[in-house]
Amino acid sequence: MARLYAQHFSAEEMVEINRFYDTPTGQKLIKEMPLLLKESQAIGQRVGTQIALEVLKKLMPELQRRELKLDQKT
């Protein structure tokens, strides 16, 4: 992980990031991050499903024209 961070941040930036995480806001971010990630993943999944359904709706006439059927695996 250190190499990954080193590719994206300078040593000075890492010091600043560490300073931030020592602040009350940084500590709150650390505490809230798992819930934020969980909620954002759920939102992304809902949006992705909605987009996929819209794409399928637009594709259906062409699939029917070609007499192709979608695999109904769930």
PDB file of N, CA and C in Angstrom:
ATOM      1  N   MET A   1       0.822  -1.194   0.000  1.00  0.00           N
ATOM      2  CA  MET A   1       0.000   0.000   0.000  1.00  0.00           C
ATOM      3  C   MET A   1       0.869   1.261   0.000  1.00  0.00           C
ATOM      4  N   ALA A   2       1.990   1.196   0.689  1.00  0.00           N
ATOM      5  CA  ALA A   2       2.860   2.368   0.745  1.00  0.00           C
ATOM      6  C   ALA A   2       3.310   2.780  -0.653  1.00  0.00           C
ATOM      7  N   ARG A   3       3.650   1.803  -1.484  1.00  0.00           N
ATOM      8  CA  ARG A   3       4.066   2.118  -2.863  1.00  0.00           C
ATOM      9  C   ARG A   3       2.932   2.784  -3.639  1.00  0.00           C
ATOM     10  N   LEU A   4       1.723   2.293  -3.454  1.00  0.00           N
ATOM     11  CA  LEU A   4       0.576   2.861  -4.148  1.00  0.00           C
ATOM     12  C   LEU A   4       0.384   4.325  -3.749  1.00  0.00           C
ATOM     13  N   TYR A   5       0.424   4.592  -2.456  1.00  0.00           N
ATOM     14  CA  TYR A   5       0.284   5.969  -1.994  1.00  0.00           C
ATOM     15  C   TYR A   5       1.438   6.839  -2.485  1.00  0.00           C
ATOM     16  N   ALA A   6       2.628   6.281  -2.518  1.00  0.00           N
ATOM     17  CA  ALA A   6       3.797   7.032  -2.976  1.00  0.00           C
ATOM     18  C   ALA A   6       3.680   7.408  -4.452  1.00  0.00           C
ATOM     19  N   GLN A   7       2.956   6.604  -5.221  1.00  0.00           N
ATOM     20  CA  GLN A   7       2.749   6.913  -6.637  1.00  0.00           C
ATOM     21  C   GLN A   7       1.802   8.097  -6.822  1.00  0.00           C
ATOM     22  N   HIS A   8       0.967   8.345  -5.841  1.00  0.00           N
ATOM     23  CA  HIS A   8      -0.064   9.366  -5.981  1.00  0.00           C
ATOM     24  C   HIS A   8       0.156  10.608  -5.123  1.00  0.00           C
ATOM     25  N   PHE A   9       0.974  10.498  -4.087  1.00  0.00           N
ATOM     26  CA  PHE A   9       1.183  11.607  -3.161  1.00  0.00           C
ATOM     27  C   PHE A   9       2.658  11.795  -2.857  1.00  0.00           C
ATOM     28  N   SER A  10       3.051  13.048  -2.727  1.00  0.00           N
ATOM     29  CA  SER A  10       4.426  13.337  -2.314  1.00  0.00           C
ATOM     30  C   SER A  10       4.542  13.113  -0.805  1.00  0.00           C
ATOM     31  N   ALA A  11       5.781  13.104  -0.315  1.00  0.00           N
ATOM     32  CA  ALA A  11       6.002  12.945   1.124  1.00  0.00           C
ATOM     33  C   ALA A  11       5.347  14.087   1.902  1.00  0.00           C
ATOM     34  N   GLU A  12       5.434  15.298   1.354  1.00  0.00           N
ATOM     35  CA  GLU A  12       4.819  16.454   2.013  1.00  0.00           C
ATOM     36  C   GLU A  12       3.306  16.308   2.074  1.00  0.00           C
ATOM     37  N   GLU A  13       2.725  15.813   0.999  1.00  0.00           N
ATOM     38  CA  GLU A  13       1.276  15.608   0.989  1.00  0.00           C
ATOM     39  C   GLU A  13       0.860  14.543   2.003  1.00  0.00           C
ATOM     40  N   MET A  14       1.663  13.516   2.133  1.00  0.00           N
ATOM     41  CA  MET A  14       1.350  12.471   3.120  1.00  0.00           C
ATOM     42  C   MET A  14       1.381  13.038   4.541  1.00  0.00           C
ATOM     43  N   VAL A  15       2.328  13.924   4.815  1.00  0.00           N
ATOM     44  CA  VAL A  15       2.374  14.578   6.128  1.00  0.00           C
ATOM     45  C   VAL A  15       1.095  15.376   6.353  1.00  0.00           C
ATOM     46  N   GLU A  16       0.657  16.106   5.332  1.00  0.00           N
ATOM     47  CA  GLU A  16      -0.580  16.888   5.442  1.00  0.00           C
ATOM     48  C   GLU A  16      -1.791  15.984   5.651  1.00  0.00           C
ATOM     49  N   ILE A  17      -1.838  14.874   4.935  1.00  0.00           N
ATOM     50  CA  ILE A  17      -2.942  13.921   5.097  1.00  0.00           C
ATOM     51  C   ILE A  17      -2.962  13.383   6.518  1.00  0.00           C
ATOM     52  N   ASN A  18      -1.809  13.012   7.029  1.00  0.00           N
ATOM     53  CA  ASN A  18      -1.727  12.506   8.407  1.00  0.00           C
ATOM     54  C   ASN A  18      -2.173  13.559   9.408  1.00  0.00           C
ATOM     55  N   ARG A  19      -1.786  14.812   9.167  1.00  0.00           N
ATOM     56  CA  ARG A  19      -2.233  15.898  10.049  1.00  0.00           C
ATOM     57  C   ARG A  19      -3.750  16.001  10.046  1.00  0.00           C
ATOM     58  N   PHE A  20      -4.333  15.906   8.850  1.00  0.00           N
ATOM     59  CA  PHE A  20      -5.789  15.969   8.749  1.00  0.00           C
ATOM     60  C   PHE A  20      -6.442  14.846   9.561  1.00  0.00           C
ATOM     61  N   TYR A  21      -5.931  13.620   9.417  1.00  0.00           N
ATOM     62  CA  TYR A  21      -6.538  12.494  10.128  1.00  0.00           C
ATOM     63  C   TYR A  21      -6.383  12.620  11.646  1.00  0.00           C
ATOM     64  N   ASP A  22      -5.485  13.454  12.112  1.00  0.00           N
ATOM     65  CA  ASP A  22      -5.342  13.702  13.549  1.00  0.00           C
ATOM     66  C   ASP A  22      -6.351  14.731  14.062  1.00  0.00           C
ATOM     67  N   THR A  23      -7.055  15.418  13.155  1.00  0.00           N
ATOM     68  CA  THR A  23      -8.037  16.415  13.568  1.00  0.00           C
ATOM     69  C   THR A  23      -9.359  15.725  13.918  1.00  0.00           C
ATOM     70  N   PRO A  24     -10.251  16.416  14.637  1.00  0.00           N
ATOM     71  CA  PRO A  24     -11.563  15.829  14.927  1.00  0.00           C
ATOM     72  C   PRO A  24     -12.336  15.455  13.649  1.00  0.00           C
ATOM     73  N   THR A  25     -12.249  16.283  12.632  1.00  0.00           N
ATOM     74  CA  THR A  25     -12.932  15.966  11.376  1.00  0.00           C
ATOM     75  C   THR A  25     -12.315  14.737  10.716  1.00  0.00           C
ATOM     76  N   GLY A  26     -11.006  14.633  10.737  1.00  0.00           N
ATOM     77  CA  GLY A  26     -10.335  13.462  10.189  1.00  0.00           C
ATOM     78  C   GLY A  26     -10.723  12.198  10.933  1.00  0.00           C
ATOM     79  N   GLN A  27     -10.821  12.284  12.255  1.00  0.00           N
ATOM     80  CA  GLN A  27     -11.237  11.138  13.057  1.00  0.00           C
ATOM     81  C   GLN A  27     -12.670  10.745  12.751  1.00  0.00           C
ATOM     82  N   LYS A  28     -13.531  11.756  12.546  1.00  0.00           N
ATOM     83  CA  LYS A  28     -14.916  11.461  12.177  1.00  0.00           C
ATOM     84  C   LYS A  28     -14.972  10.779  10.815  1.00  0.00           C
ATOM     85  N   LEU A  29     -14.158  11.253   9.873  1.00  0.00           N
ATOM     86  CA  LEU A  29     -14.116  10.638   8.555  1.00  0.00           C
ATOM     87  C   LEU A  29     -13.716   9.165   8.661  1.00  0.00           C
ATOM     88  N   ILE A  30     -12.707   8.871   9.458  1.00  0.00           N
ATOM     89  CA  ILE A  30     -12.271   7.486   9.658  1.00  0.00           C
ATOM     90  C   ILE A  30     -13.425   6.650  10.197  1.00  0.00           C
ATOM     91  N   LYS A  31     -14.151   7.194  11.159  1.00  0.00           N
ATOM     92  CA  LYS A  31     -15.262   6.477  11.781  1.00  0.00           C
ATOM     93  C   LYS A  31     -16.414   6.258  10.800  1.00  0.00           C
ATOM     94  N   GLU A  32     -16.726   7.268  10.000  1.00  0.00           N
ATOM     95  CA  GLU A  32     -17.885   7.213   9.109  1.00  0.00           C
ATOM     96  C   GLU A  32     -17.602   6.533   7.771  1.00  0.00           C
ATOM     97  N   MET A  33     -16.339   6.382   7.396  1.00  0.00           N
ATOM     98  CA  MET A  33     -15.986   5.868   6.076  1.00  0.00           C
ATOM     99  C   MET A  33     -16.605   4.506   5.754  1.00  0.00           C
ATOM    100  N   PRO A  34     -16.611   3.524   6.653  1.00  0.00           N
ATOM    101  CA  PRO A  34     -17.231   2.242   6.285  1.00  0.00           C
ATOM    102  C   PRO A  34     -18.710   2.386   5.911  1.00  0.00           C
ATOM    103  N   LEU A  35     -19.453   3.188   6.653  1.00  0.00           N
ATOM    104  CA  LEU A  35     -20.867   3.389   6.346  1.00  0.00           C
ATOM    105  C   LEU A  35     -21.031   4.164   5.035  1.00  0.00           C
ATOM    106  N   LEU A  36     -20.193   5.176   4.818  1.00  0.00           N
ATOM    107  CA  LEU A  36     -20.247   5.930   3.563  1.00  0.00           C
ATOM    108  C   LEU A  36     -19.996   5.020   2.367  1.00  0.00           C
ATOM    109  N   LEU A  37     -19.007   4.147   2.482  1.00  0.00           N
ATOM    110  CA  LEU A  37     -18.699   3.228   1.381  1.00  0.00           C
ATOM    111  C   LEU A  37     -19.855   2.259   1.134  1.00  0.00           C
ATOM    112  N   LYS A  38     -20.426   1.732   2.214  1.00  0.00           N
ATOM    113  CA  LYS A  38     -21.549   0.800   2.084  1.00  0.00           C
ATOM    114  C   LYS A  38     -22.736   1.481   1.403  1.00  0.00           C
ATOM    115  N   GLU A  39     -23.066   2.691   1.853  1.00  0.00           N
ATOM    116  CA  GLU A  39     -24.193   3.419   1.273  1.00  0.00           C
ATOM    117  C   GLU A  39     -23.930   3.803  -0.180  1.00  0.00           C
ATOM    118  N   SER A  40     -22.699   4.209  -0.496  1.00  0.00           N
ATOM    119  CA  SER A  40     -22.389   4.595  -1.873  1.00  0.00           C
ATOM    120  C   SER A  40     -22.417   3.387  -2.799  1.00  0.00           C
ATOM    121  N   GLN A  41     -22.006   2.229  -2.312  1.00  0.00           N
ATOM    122  CA  GLN A  41     -22.074   1.018  -3.132  1.00  0.00           C
ATOM    123  C   GLN A  41     -23.523   0.650  -3.424  1.00  0.00           C
ATOM    124  N   ALA A  42     -24.397   0.795  -2.436  1.00  0.00           N
ATOM    125  CA  ALA A  42     -25.813   0.498  -2.641  1.00  0.00           C
ATOM    126  C   ALA A  42     -26.411   1.451  -3.677  1.00  0.00           C
ATOM    127  N   ILE A  43     -26.051   2.721  -3.587  1.00  0.00           N
ATOM    128  CA  ILE A  43     -26.530   3.705  -4.566  1.00  0.00           C
ATOM    129  C   ILE A  43     -26.019   3.340  -5.962  1.00  0.00           C
ATOM    130  N   GLY A  44     -24.742   3.021  -6.066  1.00  0.00           N
ATOM    131  CA  GLY A  44     -24.153   2.644  -7.356  1.00  0.00           C
ATOM    132  C   GLY A  44     -24.821   1.416  -7.945  1.00  0.00           C
ATOM    133  N   GLN A  45     -25.150   0.460  -7.102  1.00  0.00           N
ATOM    134  CA  GLN A  45     -25.817  -0.750  -7.585  1.00  0.00           C
ATOM    135  C   GLN A  45     -27.208  -0.417  -8.110  1.00  0.00           C
ATOM    136  N   ARG A  46     -27.946   0.423  -7.393  1.00  0.00           N
ATOM    137  CA  ARG A  46     -29.290   0.807  -7.861  1.00  0.00           C
ATOM    138  C   ARG A  46     -29.215   1.559  -9.187  1.00  0.00           C
ATOM    139  N   VAL A  47     -28.275   2.493  -9.284  1.00  0.00           N
ATOM    140  CA  VAL A  47     -28.130   3.272 -10.519  1.00  0.00           C
ATOM    141  C   VAL A  47     -27.711   2.358 -11.668  1.00  0.00           C
ATOM    142  N   GLY A  48     -26.768   1.466 -11.408  1.00  0.00           N
ATOM    143  CA  GLY A  48     -26.317   0.539 -12.447  1.00  0.00           C
ATOM    144  C   GLY A  48     -27.432  -0.364 -12.932  1.00  0.00           C
ATOM    145  N   THR A  49     -28.254  -0.854 -12.003  1.00  0.00           N
ATOM    146  CA  THR A  49     -29.389  -1.694 -12.381  1.00  0.00           C
ATOM    147  C   THR A  49     -30.383  -0.906 -13.225  1.00  0.00           C
ATOM    148  N   GLN A  50     -30.654   0.319 -12.823  1.00  0.00           N
ATOM    149  CA  GLN A  50     -31.583   1.164 -13.577  1.00  0.00           C
ATOM    150  C   GLN A  50     -31.074   1.412 -14.999  1.00  0.00           C
ATOM    151  N   ILE A  51     -29.795   1.707 -15.134  1.00  0.00           N
ATOM    152  CA  ILE A  51     -29.216   1.947 -16.457  1.00  0.00           C
ATOM    153  C   ILE A  51     -29.288   0.672 -17.307  1.00  0.00           C
ATOM    154  N   ALA A  52     -28.961  -0.473 -16.706  1.00  0.00           N
ATOM    155  CA  ALA A  52     -29.009  -1.736 -17.445  1.00  0.00           C
ATOM    156  C   ALA A  52     -30.419  -2.018 -17.945  1.00  0.00           C
ATOM    157  N   LEU A  53     -31.423  -1.753 -17.103  1.00  0.00           N
ATOM    158  CA  LEU A  53     -32.806  -1.981 -17.533  1.00  0.00           C
ATOM    159  C   LEU A  53     -33.200  -1.047 -18.676  1.00  0.00           C
ATOM    160  N   GLU A  54     -32.744   0.205 -18.612  1.00  0.00           N
ATOM    161  CA  GLU A  54     -33.030   1.152 -19.691  1.00  0.00           C
ATOM    162  C   GLU A  54     -32.378   0.712 -21.003  1.00  0.00           C
ATOM    163  N   VAL A  55     -31.151   0.215 -20.914  1.00  0.00           N
ATOM    164  CA  VAL A  55     -30.457  -0.265 -22.111  1.00  0.00           C
ATOM    165  C   VAL A  55     -31.189  -1.468 -22.698  1.00  0.00           C
ATOM    166  N   LEU A  56     -31.573  -2.395 -21.828  1.00  0.00           N
ATOM    167  CA  LEU A  56     -32.315  -3.567 -22.312  1.00  0.00           C
ATOM    168  C   LEU A  56     -33.622  -3.172 -22.976  1.00  0.00           C
ATOM    169  N   LYS A  57     -34.310  -2.208 -22.395  1.00  0.00           N
ATOM    170  CA  LYS A  57     -35.574  -1.747 -22.973  1.00  0.00           C
ATOM    171  C   LYS A  57     -35.353  -1.221 -24.396  1.00  0.00           C
ATOM    172  N   LYS A  58     -34.249  -0.498 -24.588  1.00  0.00           N
ATOM    173  CA  LYS A  58     -33.948   0.040 -25.918  1.00  0.00           C
ATOM    174  C   LYS A  58     -33.486  -1.049 -26.889  1.00  0.00           C
ATOM    175  N   LEU A  59     -32.856  -2.089 -26.358  1.00  0.00           N
ATOM    176  CA  LEU A  59     -32.355  -3.173 -27.207  1.00  0.00           C
ATOM    177  C   LEU A  59     -33.430  -4.183 -27.606  1.00  0.00           C
ATOM    178  N   MET A  60     -34.472  -4.279 -26.816  1.00  0.00           N
ATOM    179  CA  MET A  60     -35.479  -5.317 -27.045  1.00  0.00           C
ATOM    180  C   MET A  60     -36.038  -5.323 -28.471  1.00  0.00           C
ATOM    181  N   PRO A  61     -36.404  -4.182 -29.054  1.00  0.00           N
ATOM    182  CA  PRO A  61     -36.922  -4.241 -30.429  1.00  0.00           C
ATOM    183  C   PRO A  61     -35.930  -4.871 -31.415  1.00  0.00           C
ATOM    184  N   GLU A  62     -34.663  -4.541 -31.271  1.00  0.00           N
ATOM    185  CA  GLU A  62     -33.653  -5.109 -32.172  1.00  0.00           C
ATOM    186  C   GLU A  62     -33.465  -6.603 -31.908  1.00  0.00           C
ATOM    187  N   LEU A  63     -33.469  -6.999 -30.662  1.00  0.00           N
ATOM    188  CA  LEU A  63     -33.353  -8.420 -30.333  1.00  0.00           C
ATOM    189  C   LEU A  63     -34.541  -9.198 -30.893  1.00  0.00           C
ATOM    190  N   GLN A  64     -35.736  -8.623 -30.755  1.00  0.00           N
ATOM    191  CA  GLN A  64     -36.925  -9.278 -31.292  1.00  0.00           C
ATOM    192  C   GLN A  64     -36.866  -9.344 -32.819  1.00  0.00           C
ATOM    193  N   ARG A  65     -36.398  -8.280 -33.431  1.00  0.00           N
ATOM    194  CA  ARG A  65     -36.281  -8.260 -34.897  1.00  0.00           C
ATOM    195  C   ARG A  65     -35.356  -9.372 -35.373  1.00  0.00           C
ATOM    196  N   ARG A  66     -34.305  -9.612 -34.630  1.00  0.00           N
ATOM    197  CA  ARG A  66     -33.339 -10.664 -34.991  1.00  0.00           C
ATOM    198  C   ARG A  66     -33.745 -12.032 -34.441  1.00  0.00           C
ATOM    199  N   GLU A  67     -34.876 -12.069 -33.758  1.00  0.00           N
ATOM    200  CA  GLU A  67     -35.384 -13.305 -33.150  1.00  0.00           C
ATOM    201  C   GLU A  67     -34.391 -13.896 -32.159  1.00  0.00           C
ATOM    202  N   LEU A  68     -33.770 -13.012 -31.389  1.00  0.00           N
ATOM    203  CA  LEU A  68     -32.839 -13.432 -30.351  1.00  0.00           C
ATOM    204  C   LEU A  68     -33.535 -13.336 -28.997  1.00  0.00           C
ATOM    205  N   LYS A  69     -33.193 -14.244 -28.105  1.00  0.00           N
ATOM    206  CA  LYS A  69     -33.781 -14.228 -26.772  1.00  0.00           C
ATOM    207  C   LYS A  69     -32.679 -14.060 -25.737  1.00  0.00           C
ATOM    208  N   LEU A  70     -33.021 -13.334 -24.673  1.00  0.00           N
ATOM    209  CA  LEU A  70     -32.077 -13.158 -23.570  1.00  0.00           C
ATOM    210  C   LEU A  70     -32.131 -14.372 -22.656  1.00  0.00           C
ATOM    211  N   ASP A  71     -30.999 -14.757 -22.136  1.00  0.00           N
ATOM    212  CA  ASP A  71     -30.926 -15.830 -21.151  1.00  0.00           C
ATOM    213  C   ASP A  71     -31.523 -15.276 -19.852  1.00  0.00           C
ATOM    214  N   GLN A  72     -32.476 -15.955 -19.283  1.00  0.00           N
ATOM    215  CA  GLN A  72     -33.197 -15.468 -18.104  1.00  0.00           C
ATOM    216  C   GLN A  72     -32.571 -15.941 -16.794  1.00  0.00           C
ATOM    217  N   LYS A  73     -31.278 -16.199 -16.756  1.00  0.00           N
ATOM    218  CA  LYS A  73     -30.612 -16.618 -15.516  1.00  0.00           C
ATOM    219  C   LYS A  73     -30.659 -15.488 -14.516  1.00  0.00           C
ATOM    220  N   THR A  74     -30.834 -15.837 -13.245  1.00  0.00           N
ATOM    221  CA  THR A  74     -30.830 -14.818 -12.181  1.00  0.00           C
ATOM    222  C   THR A  74     -29.817 -15.160 -11.140  1.00  0.00           C
TER     223      THR A  74
END
